[in-house]
């Protein structure tokens, strides 16, 4: 099924969730109307049965012609036989619309997450976002299906029953009309409390999802340090809060259902007694058949109103899920690229002019007065202690952050005026921890390049010193790597990451601790691969092992967000400054 490129166009602006749902279903309104008509047809036996029953009772009591009995039974049988085709039409139109809407909503969420800034993703747990895409949308789909099925059944029964009562025994119509206002009063009284409870419960479940995700990712560290009890304690505390909020919500829903049941059945007892008295004393022309009909209608109408009332908690959960999804759809922290100049080619020249950058709520800026002119094809190494600003510089180069002061020029153009999505087609990154997904070697190396053939993949693997070990894998290029490349060693994963960078033939290359935490042989193989990778490209390297950056054209030494020294390896050692001190500390 083809999905629109921009399913929601990000129309969510914090409006009421019902309005959002109306907007979501705008493409399926004809199907929804057809589904409602089909449902009324298939459900008609439910509200016609009491009328037919009343007619048959009156035929028996009044000794009327038996033909009337057969005609009533035949009419009901025909309507029953129509149930199957009408039900299949209803499912196709109604459930199909709900499924398509859920798919559009998930697509819109994924699109929005791709457009949100790296800062947003640093603040919001990936487990929370995962819960919104999977759990919240599933909750919306389930609630809509239940509301459609039960809600339409209740509305059809109420409407049909009230019409028949109004025609057959109009004197009793006001009694039945009391039901809906009474039920509505209950809903209004408890709606806000239900909304608050659902919101609180949802936040606790999201927090639990984040805790479980954190626990699973830390299992190797937890196991290595014997911290299982501490890890379980964090999850158990979150589980306790979810349990408490869930029980509070269940109590509120239970109180709601019980009050509705008592009220509606008390009205039923009164209606039955009134109908019996009217038939006994021949008031309003009420017959014994009418008593049976009114009793049956009150049972079905009471059940319908009860069904509508019991839908209130489910609808409340669905609306809270819409609000949860809306937190992503209306998040303002977007990377703004629309309307900006697209980048058609990159030479690789960068100029940093008095660049400042500060993270929100940070006590001190991460970068201050950063000035640097990088020529195309130059290799720049960034060194310094943790927190010196190295990663911030890389994020600025990638466009993940915008300078809070000064500007960055790419080939003479201010990066603030460029569409960074088009710029990144000329950039490759080799991170400290290679990010592989659960696919084949071919899929991982050629990720995002549908035209990359096996020959190109093999060349990239050979240049990354990875072809030998790949050919020894059980299925070669078709070997499935497992989640995060779990079946490979750290050095093998890193060489695949380098192959992924090589196949793109980037003009700008970012190496973020690409050889850290590797054994000597793996580091040697990766250094050989990197030597081929950096040729003719502008390269930015961050490395703690100073031995890996000796060949850089220039080394930039950062401290406290400021540049302290710039020069080659030999020049900086000869100057005896901060870099020389770092080198001596590593050799000691």
Protein backbone atom coordinates (compact mmCIF):
# COMPACT_ATOMS: atom_id res chain seq x y z
CA UNK A 1 0.00 0.00 0.00
CA UNK A 2 1.45 3.34 -1.04
CA UNK A 3 1.59 5.85 1.79
CA UNK A 4 1.62 9.63 1.32
CA UNK A 5 4.98 11.29 1.69
CA UNK A 6 3.75 13.49 4.53
CA UNK A 7 0.79 11.65 6.07
CA UNK A 8 -0.31 14.25 8.61
CA UNK A 9 1.47 17.32 7.35
CA UNK A 10 2.07 17.85 11.09
CA UNK A 11 -1.33 19.44 11.60
CA UNK A 12 -1.39 18.50 15.29
CA UNK A 13 -1.09 21.70 17.29
CA UNK A 14 -2.34 20.61 20.69
CA UNK A 15 -6.04 20.75 19.78
CA UNK A 16 -8.60 18.42 21.32
CA UNK A 17 -7.79 14.79 20.45
CA UNK A 18 -11.25 14.24 18.91
CA UNK A 19 -10.48 16.93 16.36
CA UNK A 20 -7.19 15.22 15.62
CA UNK A 21 -8.98 11.91 15.06
CA UNK A 22 -11.43 13.60 12.69
CA UNK A 23 -8.48 14.92 10.73
CA UNK A 24 -6.81 11.51 10.68
CA UNK A 25 -9.91 9.90 9.15
CA UNK A 26 -10.47 12.58 6.53
CA UNK A 27 -9.36 10.26 3.67
CA UNK A 28 -11.75 7.47 4.73
CA UNK A 29 -14.96 9.39 5.36
CA UNK A 30 -16.90 7.70 2.50
CA UNK A 31 -15.90 4.25 3.83
CA UNK A 32 -16.93 5.25 7.35
CA UNK A 33 -20.35 6.39 6.13
CA UNK A 34 -20.81 3.15 4.20
CA UNK A 35 -19.74 1.14 7.25
CA UNK A 36 -22.32 2.91 9.43
CA UNK A 37 -25.12 2.13 6.95
CA UNK A 38 -24.00 -1.51 6.67
CA UNK A 39 -23.92 -1.82 10.45
CA UNK A 40 -27.44 -0.42 10.84
CA UNK A 41 -28.66 -3.02 8.37
CA UNK A 42 -26.88 -5.97 9.96
CA UNK A 43 -27.87 -4.91 13.46
CA UNK A 44 -31.56 -4.31 12.74
CA UNK A 45 -32.71 -7.74 14.07
CA UNK A 46 -31.63 -6.69 17.56
CA UNK A 47 -34.10 -3.82 17.78
CA UNK A 48 -36.77 -5.42 15.55
CA UNK A 49 -36.94 -8.64 17.59
CA UNK A 50 -38.92 -7.13 20.51
CA UNK A 51 -41.47 -5.69 18.04
CA UNK A 52 -41.86 -9.04 16.25
CA UNK A 53 -42.11 -10.80 19.62
CA UNK A 54 -44.84 -8.40 20.72
CA UNK A 55 -46.78 -9.03 17.49
CA UNK A 56 -46.52 -12.80 17.95
CA UNK A 57 -47.64 -12.55 21.62
CA UNK A 58 -50.68 -10.49 20.58
CA UNK A 59 -51.51 -13.03 17.83
CA UNK A 60 -51.52 -15.80 20.45
CA UNK A 61 -53.38 -13.85 23.17
CA UNK A 62 -56.01 -12.35 20.82
CA UNK A 63 -56.34 -15.49 18.67
CA UNK A 64 -55.57 -13.52 15.50
CA UNK A 65 -54.96 -15.23 12.08
CA UNK A 66 -51.95 -17.50 12.24
CA UNK A 67 -50.66 -16.08 8.93
CA UNK A 68 -49.54 -12.96 10.82
CA UNK A 69 -47.25 -15.17 12.89
CA UNK A 70 -45.60 -16.62 9.77
CA UNK A 71 -45.19 -13.23 8.11
CA UNK A 72 -43.46 -11.81 11.19
CA UNK A 73 -41.15 -14.82 11.44
CA UNK A 74 -40.33 -14.70 7.70
CA UNK A 75 -39.49 -10.99 7.79
CA UNK A 76 -37.14 -11.53 10.71
CA UNK A 77 -35.46 -14.52 9.01
CA UNK A 78 -34.74 -12.48 5.85
CA UNK A 79 -33.12 -9.76 7.92
CA UNK A 80 -31.03 -12.35 9.76
CA UNK A 81 -29.74 -13.81 6.48
CA UNK A 82 -28.55 -10.37 5.38
CA UNK A 83 -26.25 -10.19 8.42
CA UNK A 84 -23.29 -12.01 6.82
CA UNK A 85 -22.78 -9.86 3.69
CA UNK A 86 -23.50 -6.64 5.58
CA UNK A 87 -21.12 -7.62 8.38
CA UNK A 88 -18.31 -8.36 5.89
CA UNK A 89 -18.85 -4.96 4.25
CA UNK A 90 -18.76 -3.29 7.66
CA UNK A 91 -15.49 -4.99 8.64
CA UNK A 92 -13.90 -4.15 5.30
CA UNK A 93 -14.82 -0.47 5.46
CA UNK A 94 -14.64 0.30 9.18
CA UNK A 95 -11.73 -1.86 10.33
CA UNK A 96 -9.87 -1.18 7.09
CA UNK A 97 -10.15 2.58 7.72
CA UNK A 98 -8.88 2.17 11.28
CA UNK A 99 -5.91 0.05 10.16
CA UNK A 100 -4.99 2.53 7.42
CA UNK A 101 -5.23 5.40 9.87
CA UNK A 102 -2.96 3.59 12.32
CA UNK A 103 -0.44 3.01 9.54
CA UNK A 104 -0.58 6.67 8.51
CA UNK A 105 -0.12 7.71 12.13
CA UNK A 106 2.93 5.48 12.62
CA UNK A 107 4.38 6.75 9.35
CA UNK A 108 3.85 10.35 10.49
CA UNK A 109 5.53 9.63 13.84
CA UNK A 110 8.57 8.05 12.16
CA UNK A 111 8.78 10.96 9.72
CA UNK A 112 8.58 13.46 12.57
CA UNK A 113 11.27 11.64 14.54
CA UNK A 114 13.58 11.86 11.53
CA UNK A 115 12.98 15.63 11.40
CA UNK A 116 13.40 16.33 15.10
CA UNK A 117 16.77 17.63 16.16
CA UNK A 118 19.51 15.55 17.72
CA UNK A 119 19.01 17.65 20.86
CA UNK A 120 15.43 16.40 21.12
CA UNK A 121 16.56 12.78 20.77
CA UNK A 122 19.21 13.36 23.42
CA UNK A 123 16.50 14.50 25.86
CA UNK A 124 13.78 11.95 25.07
CA UNK A 125 14.39 8.26 25.65
CA UNK A 126 14.23 6.07 22.55
CA UNK A 127 12.15 3.60 24.57
CA UNK A 128 9.51 6.31 25.15
CA UNK A 129 9.38 7.06 21.42
CA UNK A 130 9.17 3.34 20.67
CA UNK A 131 6.23 3.05 23.08
CA UNK A 132 4.43 5.90 21.31
CA UNK A 133 4.85 4.35 17.86
CA UNK A 134 3.87 0.82 18.96
CA UNK A 135 1.82 0.89 22.16
CA UNK A 136 -0.01 4.21 21.81
CA UNK A 137 -1.00 3.69 18.17
CA UNK A 138 -2.08 0.13 18.96
CA UNK A 139 -4.16 1.53 21.83
CA UNK A 140 -5.80 4.01 19.47
CA UNK A 141 -6.57 1.27 16.93
CA UNK A 142 -7.99 -1.09 19.56
CA UNK A 143 -10.12 1.60 21.19
CA UNK A 144 -11.46 2.78 17.83
CA UNK A 145 -12.41 -0.77 16.84
CA UNK A 146 -14.13 -1.41 20.17
CA UNK A 147 -15.83 1.98 20.10
CA UNK A 148 -17.03 1.43 16.54
CA UNK A 149 -18.32 -2.10 17.22
CA UNK A 150 -19.89 -1.50 20.63
CA UNK A 151 -20.75 2.16 20.08
CA UNK A 152 -22.53 1.64 16.77
CA UNK A 153 -24.38 -1.36 18.23
CA UNK A 154 -25.54 0.74 21.17
CA UNK A 155 -26.52 3.72 19.01
CA UNK A 156 -28.35 1.49 16.51
CA UNK A 157 -30.26 -0.27 19.30
CA UNK A 158 -31.13 3.01 21.02
CA UNK A 159 -32.25 4.72 17.83
CA UNK A 160 -34.30 1.80 16.51
CA UNK A 161 -35.83 1.05 19.88
CA UNK A 162 -36.83 4.63 20.59
CA UNK A 163 -38.42 4.97 17.13
CA UNK A 164 -40.50 1.79 17.64
CA UNK A 165 -41.51 2.81 21.18
CA UNK A 166 -42.48 6.27 19.93
CA UNK A 167 -44.74 4.68 17.30
CA UNK A 168 -46.16 1.78 19.36
CA UNK A 169 -46.39 3.15 22.93
CA UNK A 170 -45.63 6.89 22.84
CA UNK A 171 -46.70 7.32 26.48
CA UNK A 172 -43.56 5.45 27.59
CA UNK A 173 -41.13 7.33 25.36
CA UNK A 174 -40.24 9.98 28.02
CA UNK A 175 -39.18 7.24 30.43
CA UNK A 176 -36.64 5.94 27.95
CA UNK A 177 -35.47 9.41 27.04
CA UNK A 178 -34.37 9.84 30.67
CA UNK A 179 -31.68 7.21 30.14
CA UNK A 180 -29.40 9.19 27.87
CA UNK A 181 -29.27 12.41 29.97
CA UNK A 182 -28.70 10.35 33.12
CA UNK A 183 -25.85 8.48 31.47
CA UNK A 184 -24.43 11.71 30.05
CA UNK A 185 -24.41 13.28 33.51
CA UNK A 186 -22.32 10.39 34.83
CA UNK A 187 -19.85 10.75 31.96
CA UNK A 188 -19.47 14.50 32.46
CA UNK A 189 -18.93 14.11 36.20
CA UNK A 190 -16.19 11.52 35.81
CA UNK A 191 -14.59 12.49 32.47
CA UNK A 192 -11.97 14.87 33.85
CA UNK A 193 -10.98 12.46 36.62
CA UNK A 194 -10.64 9.68 34.06
CA UNK A 195 -8.50 11.91 31.83
CA UNK A 196 -6.12 12.80 34.67
CA UNK A 197 -5.84 9.17 35.78
CA UNK A 198 -5.20 7.94 32.23
CA UNK A 199 -2.54 10.61 31.72
CA UNK A 200 -0.78 9.73 34.97
CA UNK A 201 -0.91 6.00 34.16
CA UNK A 202 0.47 6.61 30.66
CA UNK A 203 3.44 8.61 31.98
CA UNK A 204 4.29 5.84 34.45
CA UNK A 205 4.14 3.20 31.67
CA UNK A 206 6.46 5.32 29.49
CA UNK A 207 8.87 5.62 32.42
CA UNK A 208 8.75 1.85 32.90
CA UNK A 209 9.47 1.33 29.19
CA UNK A 210 12.51 3.57 29.51
CA UNK A 211 13.72 1.70 32.62
CA UNK A 212 13.36 -1.73 30.95
CA UNK A 213 15.18 -0.52 27.83
CA UNK A 214 17.96 0.88 30.01
CA UNK A 215 18.18 -2.37 32.00
CA UNK A 216 18.49 -4.57 28.90
CA UNK A 217 21.18 -2.37 27.35
CA UNK A 218 23.20 -2.44 30.59
CA UNK A 219 22.94 -6.20 31.25
CA UNK A 220 26.62 -6.89 30.35
CA UNK A 221 27.82 -4.17 32.76
CA UNK A 222 25.28 -5.17 35.41
CA UNK A 223 26.34 -8.83 35.22
CA UNK A 224 30.06 -7.98 35.23
CA UNK A 225 29.76 -5.94 38.43
CA UNK A 226 27.18 -8.09 40.20
CA UNK A 227 24.61 -5.29 40.20
CA UNK A 228 21.56 -7.37 39.35
CA UNK A 229 19.76 -6.40 42.57
CA UNK A 230 20.36 -2.69 41.98
CA UNK A 231 19.10 -2.95 38.38
CA UNK A 232 16.02 -4.92 39.44
CA UNK A 233 15.40 -2.42 42.24
CA UNK A 234 15.17 0.46 39.75
CA UNK A 235 12.73 -1.48 37.59
CA UNK A 236 10.73 -2.69 40.61
CA UNK A 237 10.24 0.89 41.83
CA UNK A 238 8.90 1.84 38.43
CA UNK A 239 6.71 -1.29 38.39
CA UNK A 240 5.35 -0.30 41.79
CA UNK A 241 4.34 3.13 40.50
CA UNK A 242 2.68 1.58 37.44
CA UNK A 243 0.82 -0.86 39.72
CA UNK A 244 -0.38 1.93 42.03
CA UNK A 245 -1.57 4.12 39.14
CA UNK A 246 -3.20 1.12 37.43
CA UNK A 247 -5.09 0.14 40.59
CA UNK A 248 -6.22 3.73 41.10
CA UNK A 249 -7.48 3.82 37.50
CA UNK A 250 -9.22 0.44 37.90
CA UNK A 251 -10.97 1.64 41.07
CA UNK A 252 -12.24 4.73 39.30
CA UNK A 253 -13.46 2.69 36.32
CA UNK A 254 -15.10 0.18 38.68
CA UNK A 255 -16.93 2.91 40.60
CA UNK A 256 -18.05 4.39 37.29
CA UNK A 257 -19.42 1.06 35.98
CA UNK A 258 -21.16 0.17 39.23
CA UNK A 259 -22.98 3.51 39.53
CA UNK A 260 -24.12 3.23 35.92
CA UNK A 261 -25.40 -0.33 36.45
CA UNK A 262 -27.37 0.56 39.60
CA UNK A 263 -28.96 3.64 38.05
CA UNK A 264 -29.99 1.98 34.82
CA UNK A 265 -31.39 -1.18 36.39
CA UNK A 266 -33.36 0.83 38.95
CA UNK A 267 -34.97 2.66 36.07
CA UNK A 268 -35.66 -0.74 34.46
CA UNK A 269 -37.56 -2.02 37.49
CA UNK A 270 -39.69 1.11 37.53
CA UNK A 271 -40.43 0.88 33.81
CA UNK A 272 -41.46 -2.77 34.01
CA UNK A 273 -43.82 -2.10 36.92
CA UNK A 274 -45.36 0.89 35.13
CA UNK A 275 -45.90 -1.10 31.90
CA UNK A 276 -47.51 -3.98 33.81
CA UNK A 277 -49.91 -1.62 35.61
CA UNK A 278 -50.81 0.11 32.34
CA UNK A 279 -51.66 -3.26 30.71
CA UNK A 280 -53.54 -4.48 33.80
CA UNK A 281 -55.81 -1.40 33.92
CA UNK A 282 -55.88 -0.97 30.11
CA UNK A 283 -54.26 2.47 30.28
CA UNK A 284 -52.96 4.10 27.06
CA UNK A 285 -54.05 1.04 25.05
CA UNK A 286 -51.10 -1.02 26.32
CA UNK A 287 -51.46 -4.74 25.48
CA UNK A 288 -49.71 -7.79 27.01
CA UNK A 289 -47.52 -7.87 23.89
CA UNK A 290 -46.53 -4.25 24.55
CA UNK A 291 -45.45 -5.19 28.09
CA UNK A 292 -43.21 -7.92 26.65
CA UNK A 293 -41.89 -5.45 24.05
CA UNK A 294 -41.23 -2.69 26.57
CA UNK A 295 -39.51 -5.13 28.93
CA UNK A 296 -37.31 -6.43 26.12
CA UNK A 297 -36.57 -2.93 24.88
CA UNK A 298 -35.68 -1.73 28.33
CA UNK A 299 -33.26 -4.63 28.72
CA UNK A 300 -31.65 -3.94 25.34
CA UNK A 301 -31.70 -0.15 25.72
CA UNK A 302 -30.28 -0.38 29.21
CA UNK A 303 -27.58 -2.67 27.89
CA UNK A 304 -26.85 -0.20 25.09
CA UNK A 305 -26.51 2.75 27.45
CA UNK A 306 -24.36 0.63 29.77
CA UNK A 307 -22.17 -0.28 26.79
CA UNK A 308 -21.77 3.39 25.92
CA UNK A 309 -20.87 4.18 29.53
CA UNK A 310 -18.33 1.37 29.78
CA UNK A 311 -16.72 2.68 26.59
CA UNK A 312 -15.86 5.92 28.41
CA UNK A 313 -12.69 4.55 30.08
CA UNK A 314 -11.58 2.96 26.80
CA UNK A 315 -12.21 6.18 24.91
CA UNK A 316 -10.34 8.07 27.63
CA UNK A 317 -7.32 5.82 27.15
CA UNK A 318 -7.48 6.31 23.39
CA UNK A 319 -7.65 10.09 23.71
CA UNK A 320 -4.70 10.00 26.08
CA UNK A 321 -2.81 7.97 23.49
CA UNK A 322 -3.65 10.64 20.90
CA UNK A 323 -2.27 13.27 23.28
CA UNK A 324 0.84 11.13 23.76
CA UNK A 325 1.37 10.86 20.01
CA UNK A 326 0.72 14.60 19.76
CA UNK A 327 3.67 15.29 22.06
CA UNK A 328 5.89 14.12 19.20
CA UNK A 329 3.85 15.53 16.33
CA UNK A 330 3.81 19.02 17.84
CA UNK A 331 7.37 19.01 19.26
CA UNK A 332 8.90 22.30 18.04
CA UNK A 333 12.54 21.21 18.19
CA UNK A 334 12.90 20.59 14.45
CA UNK A 335 15.95 20.81 12.24
CA UNK A 336 14.87 23.66 9.95
CA UNK A 337 15.80 22.91 6.33
CA UNK A 338 12.73 23.97 4.38
CA UNK A 339 13.32 26.69 1.80
CA UNK A 340 17.09 26.71 2.25
CA UNK A 341 19.69 26.32 -0.50
CA UNK A 342 20.39 22.72 -1.50
CA UNK A 343 24.01 21.60 -1.66
CA UNK A 344 24.90 20.17 -5.10
CA UNK A 345 28.64 19.66 -4.51
CA UNK A 346 31.10 19.85 -1.62
CA UNK A 347 34.81 20.69 -1.91
CA UNK A 348 35.34 20.31 1.86
CA UNK A 349 36.50 23.73 3.01
CA UNK A 350 35.31 24.84 6.47
CA UNK A 351 35.73 28.15 8.23
CA UNK A 352 34.74 28.62 11.87
CA UNK A 353 34.35 32.30 12.72
CA UNK A 354 34.07 33.04 16.45
CA UNK A 355 31.80 30.06 17.03
CA UNK A 356 30.12 29.74 20.43
CA UNK A 357 27.83 26.96 21.53
CA UNK A 358 26.03 26.29 24.79
CA UNK A 359 23.76 23.42 25.75
CA UNK A 360 20.42 24.27 27.40
CA UNK A 361 20.66 24.50 31.21
CA UNK A 362 24.46 24.06 31.10
CA UNK A 363 26.49 26.12 33.56
CA UNK A 364 29.16 27.06 31.00
CA UNK A 365 29.30 27.12 27.18
CA UNK A 366 30.72 24.04 25.45
CA UNK A 367 32.62 26.19 22.92
CA UNK A 368 33.85 29.78 23.12
CA UNK A 369 35.38 31.85 20.33
CA UNK A 370 36.24 28.84 18.17
CA UNK A 371 38.18 30.08 15.09
CA UNK A 372 39.55 27.61 12.55
CA UNK A 373 40.11 27.61 8.78
CA UNK A 374 40.15 24.11 7.26
CA UNK A 375 41.32 23.65 3.69
CA UNK A 376 39.67 21.06 1.38
CA UNK A 377 41.38 17.70 1.77
CA UNK A 378 43.00 18.58 5.10
CA UNK A 379 42.99 16.21 8.07
CA UNK A 380 42.21 17.90 11.39
CA UNK A 381 42.55 16.05 14.70
CA UNK A 382 40.73 17.28 17.81
CA UNK A 383 42.23 16.36 21.17
CA UNK A 384 41.64 17.31 24.75
CA UNK A 385 40.27 16.06 28.04
CA UNK A 386 36.67 14.88 28.42
CA UNK A 387 34.32 17.85 28.21
CA UNK A 388 36.84 19.97 26.27
CA UNK A 389 34.37 20.42 23.37
CA UNK A 390 35.55 17.83 20.82
CA UNK A 391 32.19 16.13 20.31
CA UNK A 392 30.48 19.51 20.13
CA UNK A 393 32.71 20.49 17.20
CA UNK A 394 31.83 17.26 15.39
CA UNK A 395 28.12 17.84 15.97
CA UNK A 396 28.46 21.35 14.55
CA UNK A 397 30.25 19.98 11.47
CA UNK A 398 27.46 17.45 10.94
CA UNK A 399 24.82 20.15 11.46
CA UNK A 400 23.33 18.39 14.47
CA UNK A 401 23.78 21.63 16.42
CA UNK A 402 23.63 25.25 15.29
CA UNK A 403 26.12 27.77 16.70
CA UNK A 404 24.68 30.01 19.38
CA UNK A 405 27.26 32.60 18.35
CA UNK A 406 29.43 33.15 15.29
CA UNK A 407 29.04 31.15 12.11
CA UNK A 408 30.40 28.18 10.14
CA UNK A 409 31.11 28.50 6.41
CA UNK A 410 31.11 25.48 4.09
CA UNK A 411 33.01 26.27 0.89
CA UNK A 412 32.31 29.93 1.59
CA UNK A 413 28.56 29.53 2.31
CA UNK A 414 27.02 30.02 5.75
CA UNK A 415 25.77 26.58 6.88
CA UNK A 416 22.80 28.27 8.55
CA UNK A 417 21.50 29.04 5.03
CA UNK A 418 21.97 25.50 3.65
CA UNK A 419 19.67 22.48 3.48
CA UNK A 420 21.72 20.18 5.69
CA UNK A 421 19.96 17.07 4.42
CA UNK A 422 21.50 17.62 0.98
CA UNK A 423 24.89 18.47 2.54
CA UNK A 424 25.00 15.18 4.48
CA UNK A 425 24.92 13.17 1.24
CA UNK A 426 28.58 14.15 0.96
CA UNK A 427 29.46 13.20 4.56
CA UNK A 428 30.31 9.87 6.20
CA UNK A 429 30.76 9.13 9.88
CA UNK A 430 32.70 6.31 11.53
CA UNK A 431 31.63 6.40 15.20
CA UNK A 432 33.29 4.90 18.26
CA UNK A 433 30.63 2.18 18.42
CA UNK A 434 29.76 0.97 14.93
CA UNK A 435 26.01 0.95 14.42
CA UNK A 436 24.90 -2.16 12.56
CA UNK A 437 21.36 -3.43 12.20
CA UNK A 438 19.91 -6.93 12.00
CA UNK A 439 20.41 -7.51 8.29
CA UNK A 440 22.95 -9.02 5.94
CA UNK A 441 26.49 -7.77 5.40
CA UNK A 442 25.38 -6.45 2.01
CA UNK A 443 22.44 -4.56 3.59
CA UNK A 444 24.65 -2.96 6.24
CA UNK A 445 27.47 -1.86 3.93
CA UNK A 446 25.13 -0.60 1.20
CA UNK A 447 22.63 0.96 3.63
CA UNK A 448 20.69 3.70 1.85
CA UNK A 449 22.31 2.94 -1.54
CA UNK A 450 19.85 0.77 -3.49
CA UNK A 451 22.05 0.95 -6.62
CA UNK A 452 25.15 -0.46 -4.90
CA UNK A 453 25.97 -3.76 -6.58
CA UNK A 454 27.98 -6.66 -5.16
CA UNK A 455 31.15 -5.49 -6.93
CA UNK A 456 30.97 -2.09 -5.20
CA UNK A 457 30.27 -3.73 -1.83
CA UNK A 458 33.25 -6.08 -2.26
CA UNK A 459 35.58 -3.20 -3.22
CA UNK A 460 34.53 -1.27 -0.13
CA UNK A 461 35.03 -4.35 2.06
CA UNK A 462 38.47 -4.97 0.54
CA UNK A 463 39.56 -1.35 1.14
CA UNK A 464 38.30 -1.67 4.74
CA UNK A 465 40.34 -4.87 5.31
CA UNK A 466 37.04 -6.68 5.85
CA UNK A 467 36.62 -8.85 2.76
CA UNK A 468 38.68 -11.76 4.11
CA UNK A 469 36.62 -12.30 7.24
CA UNK A 470 33.33 -11.64 5.39
CA UNK A 471 34.11 -14.40 2.88
CA UNK A 472 34.71 -16.78 5.79
CA UNK A 473 31.23 -16.11 7.21
CA UNK A 474 28.67 -18.91 6.62
CA UNK A 475 26.78 -17.06 3.86
CA UNK A 476 29.33 -14.44 2.85
CA UNK A 477 27.61 -11.17 1.89
CA UNK A 478 24.24 -12.74 2.72
CA UNK A 479 25.18 -13.56 6.33
CA UNK A 480 22.68 -12.04 8.79
CA UNK A 481 24.64 -10.16 11.44
CA UNK A 482 22.16 -10.22 14.30
CA UNK A 483 21.01 -7.25 16.36
CA UNK A 484 23.72 -4.53 16.46
CA UNK A 485 26.07 -6.95 14.68
CA UNK A 486 26.25 -9.15 17.78
CA UNK A 487 27.83 -12.07 15.87
CA UNK A 488 30.96 -10.06 15.03
CA UNK A 489 33.93 -8.87 17.09
CA UNK A 490 34.45 -5.18 17.80
CA UNK A 491 37.16 -4.90 15.17
CA UNK A 492 35.02 -6.65 12.56
CA UNK A 493 32.08 -4.37 13.25
CA UNK A 494 34.31 -1.32 12.94
CA UNK A 495 35.72 -2.47 9.60
CA UNK A 496 32.18 -2.88 8.28
CA UNK A 497 31.44 0.66 9.43
CA UNK A 498 34.50 1.86 7.49
CA UNK A 499 33.32 -0.08 4.42
CA UNK A 500 29.93 1.64 4.74
CA UNK A 501 31.74 5.00 4.73
CA UNK A 502 34.00 4.06 1.81
CA UNK A 503 31.20 2.95 -0.51
CA UNK A 504 29.67 6.43 -0.28
CA UNK A 505 32.89 8.12 -1.49
CA UNK A 506 32.32 11.08 0.88
CA UNK A 507 33.95 14.49 0.57
CA UNK A 508 33.85 15.06 4.34
CA UNK A 509 34.73 12.33 6.82
CA UNK A 510 34.17 12.34 10.58
CA UNK A 511 36.03 9.78 12.70
CA UNK A 512 34.83 9.75 16.30
CA UNK A 513 37.12 7.52 18.41
CA UNK A 514 37.11 5.02 15.53
CA UNK A 515 39.92 2.86 16.97
CA UNK A 516 39.27 3.08 20.71
CA UNK A 517 38.86 -0.08 22.79
CA UNK A 518 40.31 -2.35 20.08
CA UNK A 519 43.12 -4.86 20.35
CA UNK A 520 46.46 -4.08 18.70
CA UNK A 521 45.91 -6.26 15.60
CA UNK A 522 42.41 -4.90 14.97
CA UNK A 523 43.68 -1.37 15.43
CA UNK A 524 46.46 -1.99 12.91
CA UNK A 525 44.00 -3.31 10.30
CA UNK A 526 41.65 -0.40 10.89
CA UNK A 527 44.47 2.14 10.67
CA UNK A 528 45.36 0.69 7.26
CA UNK A 529 41.73 0.99 6.16
CA UNK A 530 41.48 4.54 7.49
CA UNK A 531 44.61 5.53 5.60
CA UNK A 532 42.81 4.58 2.38
CA UNK A 533 39.59 6.19 3.53
CA UNK A 534 41.03 9.66 4.26
CA UNK A 535 42.79 10.18 0.93
CA UNK A 536 41.59 13.30 -0.88
CA UNK A 537 38.93 14.06 1.71
CA UNK A 538 38.46 16.63 4.42
CA UNK A 539 38.73 14.65 7.65
CA UNK A 540 37.93 15.49 11.25
CA UNK A 541 39.27 13.03 13.83
CA UNK A 542 38.59 12.77 17.53
CA UNK A 543 40.90 10.32 19.31
CA UNK A 544 42.10 9.72 22.84
CA UNK A 545 45.01 7.59 21.64
CA UNK A 546 47.38 10.26 20.41
CA UNK A 547 49.41 7.65 18.54
CA UNK A 548 46.54 7.36 16.02
CA UNK A 549 46.63 11.04 14.97
CA UNK A 550 50.34 11.61 14.33
CA UNK A 551 49.73 11.80 10.58
CA UNK A 552 47.10 14.56 10.84
CA UNK A 553 47.90 17.76 8.95
CA UNK A 554 47.01 19.79 12.04
CA UNK A 555 46.11 18.91 15.60
CA UNK A 556 43.74 21.22 17.49
CA UNK A 557 44.10 21.05 21.26
CA UNK A 558 40.93 22.03 23.14
CA UNK A 559 40.52 22.88 26.79
CA UNK A 560 37.37 24.23 28.41
CA UNK A 561 35.76 24.84 25.03
CA UNK A 562 38.62 26.98 23.74
CA UNK A 563 41.50 26.33 21.35
CA UNK A 564 44.80 26.25 23.28
CA UNK A 565 47.19 24.97 20.60
CA UNK A 566 47.24 24.22 16.87
CA UNK A 567 50.01 22.52 14.91
CA UNK A 568 51.44 19.26 13.63
CA UNK A 569 52.42 16.42 15.95
CA UNK A 570 56.10 17.37 15.81
CA UNK A 571 55.44 21.10 16.27
CA UNK A 572 53.23 20.57 19.31
CA UNK A 573 55.70 18.21 20.95
CA UNK A 574 58.50 20.70 20.38
CA UNK A 575 56.49 23.53 21.94
CA UNK A 576 56.20 21.60 25.22
CA UNK A 577 52.63 22.76 25.84
CA UNK A 578 49.37 21.05 26.68
CA UNK A 579 49.65 18.47 23.87
CA UNK A 580 53.14 17.48 24.95
CA UNK A 581 51.79 16.96 28.47
CA UNK A 582 48.98 14.74 27.19
CA UNK A 583 51.50 12.72 25.16
CA UNK A 584 53.78 12.26 28.14
CA UNK A 585 50.86 11.15 30.32
CA UNK A 586 49.88 8.45 27.82
CA UNK A 587 53.45 7.17 27.48
CA UNK A 588 53.97 7.05 31.23
